[in-house]
Every structure is written in C-alpha cells, then in structure tokens.
Protein backbone atom coordinates (compact mmCIF):
# COMPACT_ATOMS: atom_id res chain seq x y z
CA UNK A 1 116.33 163.42 204.28
CA UNK A 2 113.14 161.78 203.13
CA UNK A 3 113.04 164.33 200.30
CA UNK A 4 116.64 163.29 199.19
CA UNK A 5 115.70 159.53 199.26
CA UNK A 6 112.43 160.20 197.40
CA UNK A 7 114.24 162.34 194.83
CA UNK A 8 116.83 159.56 194.19
CA UNK A 9 114.01 157.00 193.77
CA UNK A 10 112.13 159.19 191.37
CA UNK A 11 115.27 159.78 189.26
CA UNK A 12 115.92 156.03 189.11
CA UNK A 13 112.35 155.30 188.18
CA UNK A 14 112.43 157.93 185.41
CA UNK A 15 115.64 156.53 183.88
CA UNK A 16 114.45 152.85 183.69
CA UNK A 17 111.97 153.43 180.80
CA UNK A 18 114.60 155.29 178.91
CA UNK A 19 117.08 152.50 179.52
CA UNK A 20 114.57 149.94 178.16
CA UNK A 21 113.77 152.00 175.04
CA UNK A 22 117.55 152.53 174.34
CA UNK A 23 118.20 148.85 174.84
CA UNK A 24 115.60 147.86 172.26
CA UNK A 25 117.30 150.13 169.73
CA UNK A 26 120.66 148.46 170.40
CA UNK A 27 119.90 145.00 168.93
CA UNK A 28 123.55 144.06 168.73
CA UNK A 29 124.04 144.32 172.53
CA UNK A 30 122.59 142.45 175.39
CA UNK A 31 120.82 143.90 178.38
CA UNK A 32 119.58 142.15 181.46
CA UNK A 33 117.09 143.17 184.18
CA UNK A 34 116.46 141.21 187.31
CA UNK A 35 117.01 140.92 191.01
CA UNK A 36 119.56 139.93 193.53
CA UNK A 37 118.63 138.54 196.98
CA UNK A 38 121.00 138.64 199.94
CA UNK A 39 122.34 141.13 202.40
CA UNK A 40 122.18 143.60 199.49
CA UNK A 41 118.75 142.88 198.00
CA UNK A 42 118.11 144.96 194.89
CA UNK A 43 116.76 145.37 191.41
CA UNK A 44 119.70 144.89 189.07
CA UNK A 45 120.55 145.84 185.48
CA UNK A 46 123.50 144.63 183.43
CA UNK A 47 124.85 145.67 180.03
CA UNK A 48 127.27 143.42 178.25
CA UNK A 49 129.28 145.67 175.98
CA UNK A 50 131.92 143.22 174.87
CA UNK A 51 132.16 139.39 174.99
CA UNK A 52 133.86 139.48 178.33
CA UNK A 53 133.01 142.91 179.78
CA UNK A 54 129.84 144.34 181.36
CA UNK A 55 128.55 147.05 183.59
CA UNK A 56 126.25 146.00 186.42
CA UNK A 57 124.15 148.31 188.61
CA UNK A 58 121.57 147.87 191.34
CA UNK A 59 119.15 149.82 193.43
CA UNK A 60 117.86 148.28 196.65
CA UNK A 61 115.96 149.00 199.81
CA UNK A 62 115.93 147.05 203.05
CA UNK A 63 114.24 147.39 206.33
CA UNK A 64 115.42 145.83 209.57
CA UNK A 65 114.68 146.48 213.21
CA UNK A 66 117.21 149.30 213.59
CA UNK A 67 117.91 150.84 210.20
CA UNK A 68 116.25 151.83 206.94
CA UNK A 69 118.67 151.42 204.09
CA UNK A 70 118.86 152.60 200.50
CA UNK A 71 121.67 150.94 198.49
CA UNK A 72 122.92 152.03 195.05
CA UNK A 73 125.89 150.24 193.47
CA UNK A 74 127.58 149.90 190.13
CA UNK A 75 130.44 147.61 188.98
CA UNK A 76 132.60 147.12 185.90
CA UNK A 77 132.80 143.30 185.34
CA UNK A 78 135.25 141.04 183.55
CA UNK A 79 134.02 137.56 182.70
CA UNK A 80 136.04 134.36 182.23
CA UNK A 81 133.71 132.32 180.05
CA UNK A 82 133.29 128.58 180.68
CA UNK A 83 135.93 128.46 183.39
CA UNK A 84 134.09 125.87 185.46
CA UNK A 85 132.14 122.80 184.35
CA UNK A 86 129.53 120.93 186.40
CA UNK A 87 127.89 117.92 184.72
CA UNK A 88 128.66 119.36 181.25
CA UNK A 89 127.18 122.68 182.07
CA UNK A 90 129.80 125.49 181.50
CA UNK A 91 129.82 128.05 184.32
CA UNK A 92 131.32 131.53 183.78
CA UNK A 93 133.39 133.18 186.48
CA UNK A 94 133.36 137.04 186.75
CA UNK A 95 135.09 139.57 188.83
CA UNK A 96 135.11 143.38 188.99
CA UNK A 97 135.49 146.77 190.66
CA UNK A 98 132.93 149.45 191.44
CA UNK A 99 131.28 151.56 194.15
CA UNK A 100 128.40 151.60 196.51
CA UNK A 101 126.40 154.37 198.08
CA UNK A 102 124.64 153.34 201.25
CA UNK A 103 122.15 155.71 202.89
CA UNK A 104 121.40 154.48 206.36
CA UNK A 105 118.83 156.11 208.72
CA UNK A 106 118.18 155.19 212.29
CA UNK A 107 114.80 156.05 213.73
CA UNK A 108 116.14 158.56 216.18
CA UNK A 109 118.99 160.13 214.11
CA UNK A 110 119.67 161.80 210.85
CA UNK A 111 120.81 159.88 207.77
CA UNK A 112 124.29 158.63 207.32
CA UNK A 113 125.78 158.29 203.82
CA UNK A 114 128.43 155.52 203.45
CA UNK A 115 130.63 155.61 200.37
CA UNK A 116 132.35 152.30 199.56
CA UNK A 117 134.55 150.60 197.08
CA UNK A 118 133.15 147.24 195.95
CA UNK A 119 135.03 144.26 194.42
CA UNK A 120 132.59 141.39 193.36
CA UNK A 121 133.59 137.85 192.50
CA UNK A 122 130.83 135.59 191.20
CA UNK A 123 129.72 132.69 189.04
CA UNK A 124 126.88 132.67 186.52
CA UNK A 125 125.08 130.34 184.25
CA UNK A 126 123.24 131.57 181.13
CA UNK A 127 120.24 129.81 179.65
CA UNK A 128 119.86 130.65 175.91
CA UNK A 129 116.15 129.76 175.87
CA UNK A 130 114.64 131.55 177.68
CA UNK A 131 117.43 134.17 177.89
CA UNK A 132 117.92 133.99 181.69
CA UNK A 133 121.05 134.32 183.72
CA UNK A 134 121.34 132.95 187.26
CA UNK A 135 124.29 134.14 189.33
CA UNK A 136 125.83 134.17 192.75
CA UNK A 137 128.39 136.69 194.02
CA UNK A 138 130.44 137.69 196.97
CA UNK A 139 131.64 141.31 197.06
CA UNK A 140 134.34 142.59 199.31
CA UNK A 141 133.40 146.08 200.50
CA UNK A 142 135.77 148.71 201.69
CA UNK A 143 133.94 151.71 203.27
CA UNK A 144 135.79 154.92 202.50
CA UNK A 145 133.50 157.56 204.04
CA UNK A 146 132.69 158.47 206.77
CA UNK A 147 135.14 155.97 208.23
CA UNK A 148 137.40 153.17 206.91
CA UNK A 149 135.90 149.71 207.47
CA UNK A 150 135.66 146.45 205.55
CA UNK A 151 132.62 144.28 204.94
CA UNK A 152 131.23 141.73 202.50
CA UNK A 153 128.03 141.29 200.57
CA UNK A 154 126.60 137.98 199.31
CA UNK A 155 123.76 137.43 197.02
CA UNK A 156 122.04 135.14 194.47
CA UNK A 157 119.98 136.43 191.68
CA UNK A 158 118.57 136.14 188.18
CA UNK A 159 118.23 138.43 185.10
CA UNK A 160 116.17 138.25 181.94
CA UNK A 161 117.95 139.39 178.75
CA UNK A 162 116.39 141.22 175.90
C-alpha cells in the first residue's frame, strides 16, 4: 500500500513541472496554483479554458489520530461572474461536478479506497494585481465505492495566476 501511495505522489510531482512549462507556453489562457484549507486540505491547480468554465484539481494529505488520508480530486466548474456584490466588490459564484479518490489507511488495517462523486458550490474574488484568487467552497460528496454514503467538504483557499 505504501508503494502505491508513494507511486501516486511521484507521478503527481513529476507532472507539475510539465504543467508549469506548458502553462507558460499558453499565454492566452490562465492557470492558477495554490492551496485549499479545510477538511480537504490540498494543493490545488485550476485551468480557466473559457470565460466561464474551468477545470480544478487537488492533491492533499491529512493525518489525524485514527487515519492517514490521501485525497485526489478534480472538478469541472462553471462560473457566474459578478453575481454578488459586497461594498462594490464583485464576487463570482461557481458550481461544478467532479470526482474524488480517497485512500484511507488505519494503523491496524489495510488501505481502503473510496471513490466519490463531488459537487462543489463556491464564491471567489479575483485580484488583478497581484493576480490572486481567494475562494471558499462547499462540496457535496456522494461516496460510490465501497458503499453508498453522503458527506460534505468545506474549504477556503487562494491561488496565484500566471
């Protein structure tokens, strides 16, 4: 199991430099790298490929008293620009659909892999100088394998765009 987790981490680490190099070549598109903190704490990457559409992905690891957890998720997002206004600041609302792979190990047992559908709903504010996005999201989670259950994730985060 440790070999599988290590392999997944090595593949992810090897992809990130390629993603960064490719992003620099694509000057007409916007790419963000950052973090999300919450019950799904992760490094996150986002690619805006149309004015109102994006792909978001994250890789996280958390430790608590009972479980070690590796989380990989990806979502397709639709954005409703400037839907909310707070003191003349225009706030975007986004929603989406995606998936999550959750590898959970208990100290005395073998690893469990949990496959889930994920439906995020969030708000974001984009600062043009510096190019930073702050966001908060709530994601409804529907575990599909190994058993059907529902859950929710909440997080706040930031991304730098290049």
